[in-house]
Amino acid sequence: METGKENEGEIEKLASNSLVSSRLVLGEDIVNLQDFIERLNRRRVQSSFDMYRIKELTLELTFVSAFSHLYYSFFLESCNDEMSCISNEIHDLAQTLITLEFPTAQVYVNGITIESSESLFHSSGEDMLVNKKVYDLLVNIRSYFSSHSYVTTMTEDRFAELLDVILMYLQCQLKCCSEFFFPSMTQYELLHNVIGNLRDFHRLKVNGCVEYETIEYVLPHLQLMALRVVNFCCFTLVDESAVSLVDSKLANLLVEVIPVELEVMHICCTNLKGSKSEEVERFIKQLVEASPNILRESLIHLQEHMVNWLTPSTSTCNIHVMIEFLLIILTDVLKDVIRHDKLFVLLARVRELTKEVFVLVRNLEENMNEASDANLNLLENIELLKEDLKNDFLKARADSSQLCFPMSDGPLFMTLLLTNLNDLANSNASSVALIKEEIKQVKEDLEIIRSLFGYVEQELHRDLWTRVLDVAYEAEHAINSILARDHGLLQLIFILPDTVEKIKLVKREVQEKLPKSSGIIVANAPNKPVERNSSSTVGKNNCRFLRRRQSG
C-alpha cells in the first residue's frame, strides 16, 4: 500500500515538473514571437506586396502570441493531446523564426546608400516553411476553439487574461489591417470598445469591488461571448474566403455580443448604483458618459444588419421605426435639450428598448414567431416614450412660429416639395419609417390645397396663400431635421405634430373660401410668382428643397 502511494506521489511530482517545464518553454516562445513581431514592424520593404504580407504575418503572429498567452494562463492545466500538439507547433514555429536570418542589400535613394532588408517573402524555402507552419498552426487553433466553444471551468483571473488577449488582438487588427478590412473598421472599433467595457466591468469583480452574487448570472454570458470572439478572430485568419465574409461574420457576432454589453449597463445602473466603491462609481460614470455613443453605434450597426440580412416584413418595419426613434434621441441627448436630472433615467429607458430590439432581431433570425407580443408592443412603447419626452424629459417646448417661407416662387416650391414628399411616402428607407404616416398626411393635404389654388386664387387670397407656403415650409424643415437627425428630437415631438395640425386647419379654410371649380377654370393660367415684402431681396439661389434627404 505504501509503495503504491509512493508511486502515485512520484507520478504527480513528475507531472507537476512537466507542467512547470511546459510553462517555461511556452513563456519563452511567447517572448520570441513578440520579438519577431516587433522586428517585422520595424522593417522597411519596397514593394506593396511585401508590405501586405508583412502586415498579414504580423497579424497572424499576434494572434498566435495572444493564443499562447491564453494557453499559458488557462488551457495548459487542462492539457490534452490536441493542446500538446498545438504547444509543440508553437514551439517549433518560434524556433524556426529565431534561426531565420534576413539578408540585407544596399539600395540607393537620392544618391544616399541605405541598408535595406530584402523581402522575407520571395518564395524561398524558408519563407514557404514559415507560411506553412503559421497556416497549419492557425488551422489547429481554430479547430480547437470550434470543438471547445463553451468552457465552464475558467477562473476569474484567467478570464480576465482572456479579455486582455482579445483586446490585444483587436488593437493589432485595427492598427495593421485598416486598409484590408476598411468596410468593417467601424464594426471592429465597436467590438473593441464593447470588449474593453466588459473587461473593465469584470475587473470590478476581480478587484473585489462587487459581490459575486451581484453579477453571477451574467458571467457565463461573458465567457461564451469571449470565446465566440476568439473563434471569429481565428476564422478571419484561416479561411481563404474570410475577407469576403468578414462583414457578415462580424455583423452576426455583434448581434450576439452587444446584448451582453447592454445587460452589463443594466447591472451597473441598478444593482451597482448605490455602491460605495470609488472604482465602481468611476466605472459607472465612465459607462454613462460613453453609453449614448455605444448605443448609437450599436443601433446603426443593427439597422444595416437588418437591411442586408432580414426579409422586409411588418415585424422588421416596426423594428426600423423603433431604431430610428432611438437614434434621434441618442443623437440629440447630449445637445442640452434633456433635463440633466432626468438624463440617467432616459438613458436607462433607451438602453432597455435597445436590448429589446436586439432580442427581437435575434428571434427573427432564428425563425421564431415574428408576431410576438414584444414586437406588437414596439409602437406602443414609442408613443409612451414620446409622451414622457414631451411632459417630463425635454427642457422646453420647441417654437416654430418664426419660420416663414423665404422664397419668391411659391408654385415652384410647392411642386418640388410635393414631388419629394411623394418619393418619401413611397420609399422603403429605414430613416423614413418613423414619420412615414406624417409625410403621407402632409402630402395629401397639400395636394388638395394646391388643386384649389390657381394663379387667380393666389392673387385674390394672397394672405391665405402666404400662410399655405409658411406651413408647407415648416413641414419641409421639420421633416428634413428628423431625417437628418439634426436637432430632430424637438421637431419630432413638438413641431411636426403641430405643423400637421396647422396644415389641416389651413386646408379646411381653403376648402371653405375657394370653390372646387375655381382651380379647374384657371388650370392653364401662368404660375406668376407671388411677391412678399420679405422676399424682394431673396434670389432663387437661396431656395432650399427637400431633395437632399432621401436615401435608399
Protein backbone atom coordinates (compact mmCIF):
# COMPACT_ATOMS: atom_id res chain seq x y z
CA MET A 1 0.00 0.00 0.00
CA GLU A 2 2.73 2.43 0.99
CA THR A 3 4.69 1.56 -2.14
CA GLY A 4 1.60 2.32 -4.25
CA LYS A 5 1.17 5.69 -2.58
CA GLU A 6 4.84 6.48 -3.16
CA ASN A 7 4.45 5.63 -6.84
CA GLU A 8 1.38 7.85 -7.11
CA GLY A 9 3.22 10.68 -5.43
CA GLU A 10 6.16 10.24 -7.78
CA ILE A 11 3.85 10.32 -10.81
CA GLU A 12 2.17 13.50 -9.56
CA LYS A 13 5.59 15.06 -8.95
CA LEU A 14 6.74 14.21 -12.48
CA ALA A 15 3.51 15.59 -13.93
CA SER A 16 3.94 18.79 -11.92
CA ASN A 17 7.56 19.17 -13.07
CA SER A 18 6.48 18.57 -16.65
CA LEU A 19 3.79 21.24 -16.32
CA VAL A 20 6.28 23.75 -14.92
CA SER A 21 8.71 22.92 -17.71
CA SER A 22 5.99 23.35 -20.33
CA ARG A 23 5.07 26.71 -18.85
CA LEU A 24 8.69 27.89 -19.00
CA VAL A 25 9.12 26.75 -22.60
CA LEU A 26 5.88 28.32 -23.69
CA GLY A 27 6.74 31.52 -21.84
CA GLU A 28 9.98 31.73 -23.82
CA ASP A 29 8.08 31.03 -27.04
CA ILE A 30 5.71 33.92 -26.32
CA VAL A 31 8.63 36.30 -25.84
CA ASN A 32 10.28 35.07 -29.05
CA LEU A 33 7.08 35.55 -31.05
CA GLN A 34 6.64 39.06 -29.68
CA ASP A 35 10.26 39.93 -30.52
CA PHE A 36 9.78 38.68 -34.06
CA ILE A 37 6.58 40.74 -34.43
CA GLU A 38 8.45 43.82 -33.28
CA ARG A 39 11.21 43.11 -35.83
CA LEU A 40 8.60 42.86 -38.58
CA ASN A 41 7.05 46.17 -37.56
CA ARG A 42 10.45 47.90 -37.71
CA ARG A 43 11.34 46.61 -41.16
CA ARG A 44 11.02 48.76 -44.27
CA VAL A 45 10.25 46.95 -47.53
CA GLN A 46 9.95 48.32 -51.02
CA SER A 47 7.04 46.57 -52.77
CA SER A 48 3.36 46.80 -51.89
CA PHE A 49 3.16 43.01 -51.92
CA ASP A 50 5.86 42.82 -49.28
CA MET A 51 4.06 45.37 -47.11
CA TYR A 52 0.80 43.44 -47.41
CA ARG A 53 2.44 40.16 -46.43
CA ILE A 54 4.41 41.76 -43.60
CA LYS A 55 1.18 43.14 -42.10
CA GLU A 56 -0.64 39.87 -42.69
CA LEU A 57 2.07 37.86 -40.96
CA THR A 58 2.22 40.40 -38.15
CA LEU A 59 -1.49 39.92 -37.54
CA GLU A 60 -1.22 36.13 -37.72
CA LEU A 61 1.70 36.01 -35.30
CA THR A 62 -0.04 38.46 -32.96
CA PHE A 63 -2.95 36.06 -32.79
CA VAL A 64 -0.62 33.10 -32.15
CA SER A 65 1.15 35.10 -29.44
CA ALA A 66 -2.19 36.07 -27.93
CA PHE A 67 -3.35 32.46 -28.05
CA SER A 68 -0.08 31.42 -26.41
CA HIS A 69 -0.86 33.78 -23.53
CA LEU A 70 -4.30 32.25 -23.33
CA TYR A 71 -2.93 28.71 -23.43
CA TYR A 72 -0.25 29.61 -20.90
CA SER A 73 -2.79 31.01 -18.45
CA PHE A 74 -5.70 28.63 -18.92
CA PHE A 75 -5.60 25.70 -21.31
CA LEU A 76 -2.27 24.26 -20.17
CA GLU A 77 -3.70 22.99 -16.88
CA SER A 78 -6.35 21.03 -18.76
CA CYS A 79 -3.78 19.80 -21.26
CA ASN A 80 -4.81 17.10 -23.70
CA ASP A 81 -3.24 15.55 -26.78
CA GLU A 82 -4.70 18.22 -29.06
CA MET A 83 -3.35 21.04 -26.95
CA SER A 84 0.03 19.32 -26.57
CA CYS A 85 0.25 19.21 -30.36
CA ILE A 86 -0.55 22.93 -30.59
CA SER A 87 2.04 23.69 -27.90
CA ASN A 88 4.68 21.77 -29.83
CA GLU A 89 3.75 23.62 -33.04
CA ILE A 90 4.06 26.98 -31.30
CA HIS A 91 7.49 25.99 -30.00
CA ASP A 92 8.56 24.73 -33.43
CA LEU A 93 7.43 27.96 -35.10
CA ALA A 94 9.21 30.10 -32.50
CA GLN A 95 12.44 28.16 -33.01
CA THR A 96 12.15 28.49 -36.80
CA LEU A 97 11.74 32.25 -36.55
CA ILE A 98 14.71 32.54 -34.17
CA THR A 99 17.05 30.78 -36.57
CA LEU A 100 15.79 32.55 -39.70
CA GLU A 101 18.37 35.04 -40.94
CA PHE A 102 17.47 38.07 -43.10
CA PRO A 103 19.99 39.10 -45.76
CA THR A 104 20.39 42.78 -46.37
CA ALA A 105 21.12 44.68 -49.54
CA GLN A 106 22.24 48.17 -50.37
CA VAL A 107 19.83 50.43 -52.21
CA TYR A 108 20.34 53.99 -53.41
CA VAL A 109 17.83 56.75 -52.69
CA ASN A 110 18.68 60.25 -53.93
CA GLY A 111 22.35 59.34 -54.09
CA ILE A 112 22.44 58.05 -50.50
CA THR A 113 23.27 54.43 -49.70
CA ILE A 114 20.70 52.80 -47.39
CA GLU A 115 20.83 49.36 -45.84
CA SER A 116 17.54 47.69 -46.70
CA SER A 117 16.36 44.20 -45.86
CA GLU A 118 15.41 42.06 -48.77
CA SER A 119 11.89 40.78 -48.72
CA LEU A 120 11.16 37.83 -46.48
CA PHE A 121 8.54 36.68 -48.97
CA HIS A 122 10.21 35.81 -52.24
CA SER A 123 9.28 32.13 -52.37
CA SER A 124 12.46 30.87 -50.75
CA GLY A 125 12.31 27.57 -48.92
CA GLU A 126 12.46 29.23 -45.52
CA ASP A 127 9.67 31.65 -46.39
CA MET A 128 7.38 28.88 -47.58
CA LEU A 129 8.20 26.91 -44.44
CA VAL A 130 7.21 29.83 -42.20
CA ASN A 131 3.97 30.35 -44.13
CA LYS A 132 3.06 26.68 -43.87
CA LYS A 133 3.87 26.46 -40.16
CA VAL A 134 1.78 29.57 -39.40
CA TYR A 135 -1.13 28.35 -41.51
CA ASP A 136 -1.15 24.84 -40.02
CA LEU A 137 -0.96 26.27 -36.52
CA LEU A 138 -3.90 28.62 -37.13
CA VAL A 139 -5.94 25.74 -38.56
CA ASN A 140 -5.31 23.65 -35.44
CA ILE A 141 -6.11 26.55 -33.11
CA ARG A 142 -9.35 27.20 -34.96
CA SER A 143 -10.22 23.51 -34.83
CA TYR A 144 -9.68 23.54 -31.08
CA PHE A 145 -11.98 26.50 -30.49
CA SER A 146 -14.61 25.04 -32.81
CA SER A 147 -14.74 21.89 -30.70
CA HIS A 148 -14.47 23.69 -27.34
CA SER A 149 -16.92 26.55 -27.86
CA TYR A 150 -18.04 26.72 -24.23
CA VAL A 151 -15.80 26.40 -21.20
CA THR A 152 -17.24 26.31 -17.69
CA THR A 153 -14.06 25.97 -15.62
CA MET A 154 -12.43 29.31 -16.42
CA THR A 155 -11.35 31.13 -13.27
CA GLU A 156 -11.87 34.87 -12.90
CA ASP A 157 -8.15 35.67 -13.22
CA ARG A 158 -7.82 33.60 -16.37
CA PHE A 159 -10.97 35.01 -17.88
CA ALA A 160 -9.55 38.49 -17.26
CA GLU A 161 -6.43 37.40 -19.15
CA LEU A 162 -8.61 36.11 -21.99
CA LEU A 163 -10.28 39.52 -22.31
CA ASP A 164 -6.86 41.18 -22.35
CA VAL A 165 -5.78 38.76 -25.09
CA ILE A 166 -8.82 39.62 -27.21
CA LEU A 167 -8.19 43.34 -26.80
CA MET A 168 -4.54 42.92 -27.74
CA TYR A 169 -5.52 41.15 -30.94
CA LEU A 170 -8.28 43.62 -31.87
CA GLN A 171 -5.89 46.53 -31.34
CA CYS A 172 -3.46 44.88 -33.73
CA GLN A 173 -6.30 44.25 -36.19
CA LEU A 174 -7.24 47.92 -36.14
CA LYS A 175 -3.63 49.04 -36.45
CA CYS A 176 -2.36 46.65 -39.12
CA CYS A 177 -5.29 45.91 -41.38
CA SER A 178 -7.42 49.02 -41.75
CA GLU A 179 -6.81 49.11 -45.50
CA PHE A 180 -7.66 45.44 -45.92
CA PHE A 181 -10.86 45.42 -43.87
CA PHE A 182 -11.90 49.04 -44.43
CA PRO A 183 -15.68 48.39 -44.79
CA SER A 184 -15.68 46.70 -41.38
CA MET A 185 -13.42 49.03 -39.41
CA THR A 186 -16.28 50.84 -37.69
CA GLN A 187 -17.64 47.48 -36.58
CA TYR A 188 -14.18 46.41 -35.38
CA GLU A 189 -13.96 49.62 -33.37
CA LEU A 190 -17.40 48.96 -31.89
CA LEU A 191 -16.37 45.40 -30.97
CA HIS A 192 -13.13 46.69 -29.45
CA ASN A 193 -14.99 49.29 -27.34
CA VAL A 194 -17.55 46.75 -26.15
CA ILE A 195 -14.88 44.22 -25.15
CA GLY A 196 -12.96 47.00 -23.37
CA ASN A 197 -16.03 47.95 -21.32
CA LEU A 198 -16.73 44.31 -20.45
CA ARG A 199 -13.09 43.83 -19.44
CA ASP A 200 -13.27 46.86 -17.13
CA PHE A 201 -16.57 45.60 -15.72
CA HIS A 202 -15.10 42.18 -14.98
CA ARG A 203 -12.12 43.76 -13.26
CA LEU A 204 -14.51 45.19 -10.68
CA LYS A 205 -15.17 41.63 -9.52
CA VAL A 206 -11.54 40.54 -9.78
CA ASN A 207 -10.52 43.55 -7.67
CA GLY A 208 -13.16 42.74 -5.05
CA CYS A 209 -15.28 45.83 -5.72
CA VAL A 210 -18.53 43.93 -6.33
CA GLU A 211 -20.08 40.83 -4.81
CA TYR A 212 -20.12 37.65 -6.88
CA GLU A 213 -23.87 37.24 -6.35
CA THR A 214 -24.50 40.66 -7.91
CA ILE A 215 -23.11 39.69 -11.29
CA GLU A 216 -23.24 35.90 -11.10
CA TYR A 217 -25.94 35.43 -13.74
CA VAL A 218 -24.08 37.43 -16.42
CA LEU A 219 -20.66 35.74 -16.07
CA PRO A 220 -21.50 32.67 -18.23
CA HIS A 221 -22.70 35.03 -20.97
CA LEU A 222 -19.43 36.97 -20.74
CA GLN A 223 -17.37 33.79 -21.11
CA LEU A 224 -19.41 32.47 -24.01
CA MET A 225 -19.18 35.86 -25.73
CA ALA A 226 -15.40 35.99 -25.29
CA LEU A 227 -14.85 32.54 -26.79
CA ARG A 228 -17.07 33.43 -29.75
CA VAL A 229 -14.93 36.50 -30.37
CA VAL A 230 -11.76 34.37 -30.26
CA ASN A 231 -13.34 31.91 -32.69
CA PHE A 232 -14.21 34.78 -35.03
CA CYS A 233 -10.67 36.18 -34.88
CA CYS A 234 -9.23 32.80 -35.77
CA PHE A 235 -11.74 32.36 -38.61
CA THR A 236 -10.68 35.64 -40.25
CA LEU A 237 -7.06 34.46 -40.31
CA VAL A 238 -7.53 30.89 -41.55
CA ASP A 239 -10.41 30.84 -44.01
CA GLU A 240 -9.32 31.83 -47.52
CA SER A 241 -12.71 33.44 -48.13
CA ALA A 242 -12.68 35.28 -44.80
CA VAL A 243 -12.08 38.70 -46.32
CA SER A 244 -15.29 38.47 -48.36
CA LEU A 245 -17.25 37.01 -45.43
CA VAL A 246 -15.82 39.16 -42.65
CA ASP A 247 -18.65 41.71 -42.80
CA SER A 248 -21.40 39.13 -42.34
CA LYS A 249 -19.48 37.19 -39.67
CA LEU A 250 -18.71 40.36 -37.73
CA ALA A 251 -22.27 41.62 -38.09
CA ASN A 252 -23.65 38.37 -36.67
CA LEU A 253 -21.09 38.41 -33.87
CA LEU A 254 -22.08 41.93 -32.81
CA VAL A 255 -25.75 40.93 -32.66
CA GLU A 256 -24.69 38.31 -30.11
CA VAL A 257 -22.19 40.44 -28.18
CA ILE A 258 -23.98 43.79 -27.80
CA PRO A 259 -26.88 42.43 -25.67
CA VAL A 260 -24.27 41.29 -23.12
CA GLU A 261 -22.94 44.85 -23.03
CA LEU A 262 -26.50 46.14 -22.54
CA GLU A 263 -27.01 43.72 -19.67
CA VAL A 264 -23.81 44.96 -18.05
CA MET A 265 -25.09 48.53 -18.40
CA HIS A 266 -28.32 47.46 -16.71
CA ILE A 267 -26.43 45.89 -13.78
CA CYS A 268 -24.29 48.99 -13.35
CA CYS A 269 -27.28 51.32 -13.39
CA THR A 270 -29.38 49.22 -11.00
CA ASN A 271 -27.57 46.71 -8.77
CA LEU A 272 -24.32 48.70 -8.54
CA LYS A 273 -25.77 52.19 -8.48
CA GLY A 274 -25.58 52.51 -4.70
CA SER A 275 -22.07 51.06 -4.39
CA LYS A 276 -19.70 52.88 -2.05
CA SER A 277 -16.65 51.77 -4.03
CA GLU A 278 -14.87 54.66 -5.76
CA GLU A 279 -13.74 52.30 -8.53
CA VAL A 280 -17.33 51.19 -9.20
CA GLU A 281 -18.56 54.79 -9.11
CA ARG A 282 -15.83 55.83 -11.54
CA PHE A 283 -16.66 52.97 -13.94
CA ILE A 284 -20.40 53.72 -13.89
CA LYS A 285 -19.74 57.40 -14.60
CA GLN A 286 -17.46 56.46 -17.49
CA LEU A 287 -20.03 54.00 -18.84
CA VAL A 288 -22.91 56.51 -18.62
CA GLU A 289 -20.86 59.13 -20.48
CA ALA A 290 -19.95 56.64 -23.20
CA SER A 291 -23.33 54.91 -23.41
CA PRO A 292 -25.02 57.32 -25.89
CA ASN A 293 -22.29 56.69 -28.46
CA ILE A 294 -22.16 52.96 -27.73
CA LEU A 295 -25.93 52.62 -28.05
CA ARG A 296 -26.00 54.80 -31.16
CA GLU A 297 -23.26 52.85 -32.96
CA SER A 298 -24.89 49.58 -31.93
CA LEU A 299 -28.26 50.61 -33.36
CA ILE A 300 -26.70 51.88 -36.60
CA HIS A 301 -24.99 48.52 -36.97
CA LEU A 302 -28.23 46.67 -36.26
CA GLN A 303 -30.09 48.80 -38.79
CA GLU A 304 -27.56 47.99 -41.50
CA HIS A 305 -27.56 44.33 -40.49
CA MET A 306 -31.35 44.12 -40.86
CA VAL A 307 -31.28 45.73 -44.31
CA ASN A 308 -28.66 43.23 -45.50
CA TRP A 309 -29.83 40.02 -43.85
CA LEU A 310 -33.55 40.15 -43.00
CA THR A 311 -36.52 39.97 -45.35
CA PRO A 312 -38.82 43.01 -45.06
CA SER A 313 -41.98 42.33 -43.06
CA THR A 314 -44.33 44.01 -40.61
CA SER A 315 -42.04 42.97 -37.79
CA THR A 316 -38.90 44.39 -39.39
CA CYS A 317 -40.78 47.60 -40.25
CA ASN A 318 -41.76 48.08 -36.61
CA ILE A 319 -38.17 47.45 -35.54
CA HIS A 320 -36.88 50.02 -38.04
CA VAL A 321 -39.35 52.55 -36.64
CA MET A 322 -38.11 51.92 -33.11
CA ILE A 323 -34.43 52.06 -34.15
CA GLU A 324 -34.89 55.38 -35.92
CA PHE A 325 -36.73 56.80 -32.91
CA LEU A 326 -33.94 55.72 -30.55
CA LEU A 327 -31.26 57.08 -32.90
CA ILE A 328 -32.91 60.51 -32.93
CA ILE A 329 -32.96 60.52 -29.12
CA LEU A 330 -29.34 59.38 -28.82
CA THR A 331 -28.15 61.92 -31.40
CA ASP A 332 -29.78 64.79 -29.51
CA VAL A 333 -29.39 63.52 -25.95
CA LEU A 334 -26.16 65.47 -25.36
CA LYS A 335 -27.32 68.67 -27.10
CA ASP A 336 -28.66 70.22 -23.91
CA VAL A 337 -32.32 69.51 -24.67
CA ILE A 338 -32.80 66.85 -21.97
CA ARG A 339 -33.24 67.83 -18.33
CA HIS A 340 -29.95 66.96 -16.63
CA ASP A 341 -31.63 65.34 -13.64
CA LYS A 342 -33.59 63.06 -15.99
CA LEU A 343 -30.75 62.05 -18.31
CA PHE A 344 -29.82 58.92 -16.35
CA VAL A 345 -33.44 57.73 -16.34
CA LEU A 346 -33.90 58.40 -20.05
CA LEU A 347 -30.73 56.53 -20.97
CA ALA A 348 -31.95 53.59 -18.93
CA ARG A 349 -35.22 53.59 -20.91
CA VAL A 350 -33.31 53.80 -24.20
CA ARG A 351 -30.97 51.02 -23.12
CA GLU A 352 -33.82 48.67 -22.28
CA LEU A 353 -35.58 49.38 -25.57
CA THR A 354 -32.31 48.83 -27.44
CA LYS A 355 -31.88 45.48 -25.75
CA GLU A 356 -35.47 44.55 -26.63
CA VAL A 357 -34.83 45.41 -30.28
CA PHE A 358 -31.67 43.27 -30.40
CA VAL A 359 -33.53 40.32 -28.89
CA LEU A 360 -36.32 40.69 -31.46
CA VAL A 361 -33.85 40.72 -34.35
CA ARG A 362 -32.13 37.63 -32.99
CA ASN A 363 -35.50 35.90 -32.66
CA LEU A 364 -36.38 36.79 -36.23
CA GLU A 365 -33.09 35.33 -37.44
CA GLU A 366 -33.87 32.12 -35.58
CA ASN A 367 -37.30 31.95 -37.29
CA MET A 368 -39.20 32.44 -34.07
CA ASN A 369 -42.77 33.82 -34.13
CA GLU A 370 -42.33 37.28 -35.63
CA ALA A 371 -45.78 38.40 -34.46
CA SER A 372 -44.68 38.19 -30.83
CA ASP A 373 -46.22 40.36 -28.16
CA ALA A 374 -42.89 42.16 -27.76
CA ASN A 375 -42.90 43.15 -31.41
CA LEU A 376 -46.51 44.31 -31.30
CA ASN A 377 -45.67 46.44 -28.27
CA LEU A 378 -42.88 48.34 -30.03
CA LEU A 379 -45.11 51.03 -31.48
CA GLU A 380 -46.93 51.40 -28.16
CA ASN A 381 -43.60 51.88 -26.40
CA ILE A 382 -42.68 54.61 -28.88
CA GLU A 383 -45.88 56.53 -28.16
CA LEU A 384 -45.41 56.16 -24.40
CA LEU A 385 -41.85 57.45 -24.58
CA LYS A 386 -42.95 60.33 -26.83
CA GLU A 387 -45.43 61.42 -24.17
CA ASP A 388 -42.83 61.15 -21.44
CA LEU A 389 -40.34 63.14 -23.51
CA LYS A 390 -42.94 65.85 -24.04
CA ASN A 391 -44.06 66.04 -20.42
CA ASP A 392 -41.02 65.05 -18.40
CA PHE A 393 -37.63 64.71 -20.10
CA LEU A 394 -37.35 67.66 -22.51
CA LYS A 395 -36.31 71.01 -21.07
CA ALA A 396 -38.69 73.19 -23.09
CA ARG A 397 -41.19 73.10 -25.90
CA ALA A 398 -39.86 73.99 -29.36
CA ASP A 399 -41.30 77.02 -31.14
CA SER A 400 -41.77 77.11 -34.91
CA SER A 401 -43.75 80.36 -35.07
CA GLN A 402 -40.81 82.33 -36.52
CA LEU A 403 -40.37 80.09 -39.55
CA CYS A 404 -41.58 81.95 -42.65
CA PHE A 405 -41.38 81.00 -46.29
CA PRO A 406 -38.20 82.73 -47.59
CA MET A 407 -38.65 82.34 -51.35
CA SER A 408 -40.38 84.29 -54.09
CA ASP A 409 -41.51 81.41 -56.31
CA GLY A 410 -44.20 79.70 -54.26
CA PRO A 411 -45.69 77.48 -57.02
CA LEU A 412 -42.26 76.04 -57.89
CA PHE A 413 -41.56 75.33 -54.22
CA MET A 414 -44.90 73.53 -53.83
CA THR A 415 -44.26 71.42 -56.94
CA LEU A 416 -40.82 70.33 -55.80
CA LEU A 417 -41.97 69.76 -52.22
CA LEU A 418 -44.88 67.55 -53.28
CA THR A 419 -42.65 65.60 -55.65
CA ASN A 420 -40.22 64.84 -52.86
CA LEU A 421 -42.95 64.08 -50.33
CA ASN A 422 -44.35 61.57 -52.80
CA ASP A 423 -40.92 59.96 -53.19
CA LEU A 424 -40.52 59.74 -49.42
CA ALA A 425 -44.00 58.31 -48.96
CA ASN A 426 -43.11 55.52 -51.41
CA SER A 427 -39.61 54.98 -50.05
CA ASN A 428 -38.51 51.90 -48.11
CA ALA A 429 -35.62 53.76 -46.49
CA SER A 430 -35.34 52.90 -42.80
CA SER A 431 -34.84 56.58 -41.92
CA VAL A 432 -38.33 57.39 -43.29
CA ALA A 433 -40.19 54.65 -41.40
CA LEU A 434 -40.67 56.65 -38.20
CA ILE A 435 -42.56 59.56 -39.84
CA LYS A 436 -43.99 57.94 -42.97
CA GLU A 437 -47.61 58.44 -41.82
CA GLU A 438 -47.00 62.14 -41.14
CA ILE A 439 -45.33 62.51 -44.55
CA LYS A 440 -48.34 60.92 -46.27
CA GLN A 441 -50.76 63.15 -44.36
CA VAL A 442 -48.84 66.33 -45.23
CA LYS A 443 -48.60 65.27 -48.89
CA GLU A 444 -52.34 64.54 -49.19
CA ASP A 445 -53.42 67.81 -47.55
CA LEU A 446 -51.02 69.94 -49.59
CA GLU A 447 -52.14 68.25 -52.80
CA ILE A 448 -55.75 69.19 -52.02
CA ILE A 449 -54.73 72.77 -51.23
CA ARG A 450 -52.70 73.11 -54.44
CA SER A 451 -55.58 71.73 -56.52
CA LEU A 452 -57.74 74.64 -55.30
CA PHE A 453 -55.08 77.37 -55.65
CA GLY A 454 -54.58 78.55 -59.21
CA TYR A 455 -53.00 81.82 -60.35
CA VAL A 456 -56.16 83.85 -59.78
CA GLU A 457 -56.68 82.43 -56.28
CA GLN A 458 -53.10 83.23 -55.35
CA GLU A 459 -53.73 86.87 -56.29
CA LEU A 460 -57.19 87.12 -54.70
CA HIS A 461 -56.21 85.38 -51.45
CA ARG A 462 -52.63 86.48 -51.00
CA ASP A 463 -52.66 86.25 -47.19
CA LEU A 464 -54.11 82.73 -47.24
CA TRP A 465 -51.63 81.61 -49.93
CA THR A 466 -48.80 83.06 -47.83
CA ARG A 467 -49.95 81.02 -44.82
CA VAL A 468 -50.08 77.91 -47.00
CA LEU A 469 -46.47 78.47 -48.06
CA ASP A 470 -45.39 79.09 -44.46
CA VAL A 471 -46.88 75.86 -43.09
CA ALA A 472 -45.52 73.91 -46.07
CA TYR A 473 -42.09 75.35 -45.37
CA GLU A 474 -42.40 74.42 -41.68
CA ALA A 475 -43.24 70.86 -42.69
CA GLU A 476 -40.23 70.70 -45.04
CA HIS A 477 -37.90 71.98 -42.32
CA ALA A 478 -39.23 69.57 -39.68
CA ILE A 479 -39.05 66.53 -41.96
CA ASN A 480 -35.52 67.47 -43.09
CA SER A 481 -34.34 67.81 -39.48
CA ILE A 482 -35.80 64.46 -38.44
CA LEU A 483 -34.45 62.55 -41.43
CA ALA A 484 -31.00 64.09 -40.96
CA ARG A 485 -31.14 63.57 -37.15
CA ASP A 486 -30.17 67.22 -36.86
CA HIS A 487 -31.87 68.51 -33.70
CA GLY A 488 -34.65 66.21 -34.77
CA LEU A 489 -36.00 65.30 -31.32
CA LEU A 490 -37.81 68.58 -30.68
CA GLN A 491 -39.01 68.57 -34.28
CA LEU A 492 -40.37 65.05 -33.87
CA ILE A 493 -42.06 65.58 -30.51
CA PHE A 494 -43.43 69.11 -30.96
CA ILE A 495 -43.05 70.82 -34.31
CA LEU A 496 -44.02 68.13 -36.82
CA PRO A 497 -47.26 67.16 -34.99
CA ASP A 498 -48.15 70.86 -34.63
CA THR A 499 -47.38 71.52 -38.28
CA VAL A 500 -49.54 68.59 -39.41
CA GLU A 501 -52.44 70.12 -37.45
CA LYS A 502 -51.74 73.60 -38.89
CA ILE A 503 -51.89 72.21 -42.42
CA LYS A 504 -55.21 70.51 -41.66
CA LEU A 505 -56.66 73.80 -40.39
CA VAL A 506 -55.38 75.74 -43.40
CA LYS A 507 -56.81 73.08 -45.71
CA ARG A 508 -60.26 73.45 -44.15
CA GLU A 509 -60.09 77.22 -44.51
CA VAL A 510 -59.05 76.93 -48.16
CA GLN A 511 -61.88 74.48 -48.83
CA GLU A 512 -64.37 76.87 -47.25
CA LYS A 513 -63.17 80.00 -49.10
CA LEU A 514 -62.40 78.55 -52.54
CA PRO A 515 -64.94 76.67 -54.68
CA LYS A 516 -63.69 73.36 -56.09
CA SER A 517 -64.26 74.52 -59.67
CA SER A 518 -62.08 77.62 -59.47
CA GLY A 519 -58.84 75.71 -59.68
CA ILE A 520 -60.06 73.93 -62.83
CA ILE A 521 -61.15 77.14 -64.60
CA VAL A 522 -57.69 78.70 -64.30
CA ALA A 523 -55.69 75.49 -64.60
CA ASN A 524 -53.84 76.78 -67.68
CA ALA A 525 -53.09 80.18 -66.24
CA PRO A 526 -49.38 81.06 -65.86
CA ASN A 527 -47.85 80.44 -62.44
CA LYS A 528 -46.92 84.05 -61.79
CA PRO A 529 -44.80 84.40 -58.61
CA VAL A 530 -46.49 85.92 -55.59
CA GLU A 531 -44.21 88.58 -54.13
CA ARG A 532 -43.90 89.22 -50.41
CA ASN A 533 -42.30 92.21 -48.71
CA SER A 534 -39.75 89.99 -47.01
CA SER A 535 -38.76 88.20 -50.20
CA SER A 536 -37.99 91.06 -52.58
CA THR A 537 -34.25 90.68 -51.95
CA VAL A 538 -34.18 86.91 -51.78
CA GLY A 539 -32.98 85.29 -55.01
CA LYS A 540 -33.84 81.87 -56.31
CA ASN A 541 -30.34 80.68 -55.43
CA ASN A 542 -31.39 80.70 -51.76
CA CYS A 543 -34.17 78.13 -52.27
CA ARG A 544 -33.99 75.04 -50.10
CA PHE A 545 -35.89 72.00 -51.16
CA LEU A 546 -36.34 68.55 -49.74
CA ARG A 547 -34.35 66.55 -52.32
CA ARG A 548 -31.17 66.24 -50.28
CA ARG A 549 -32.51 63.98 -47.55
CA GLN A 550 -33.96 60.96 -49.31
CA SER A 551 -31.89 57.79 -49.17
CA GLY A 552 -32.42 54.18 -50.14
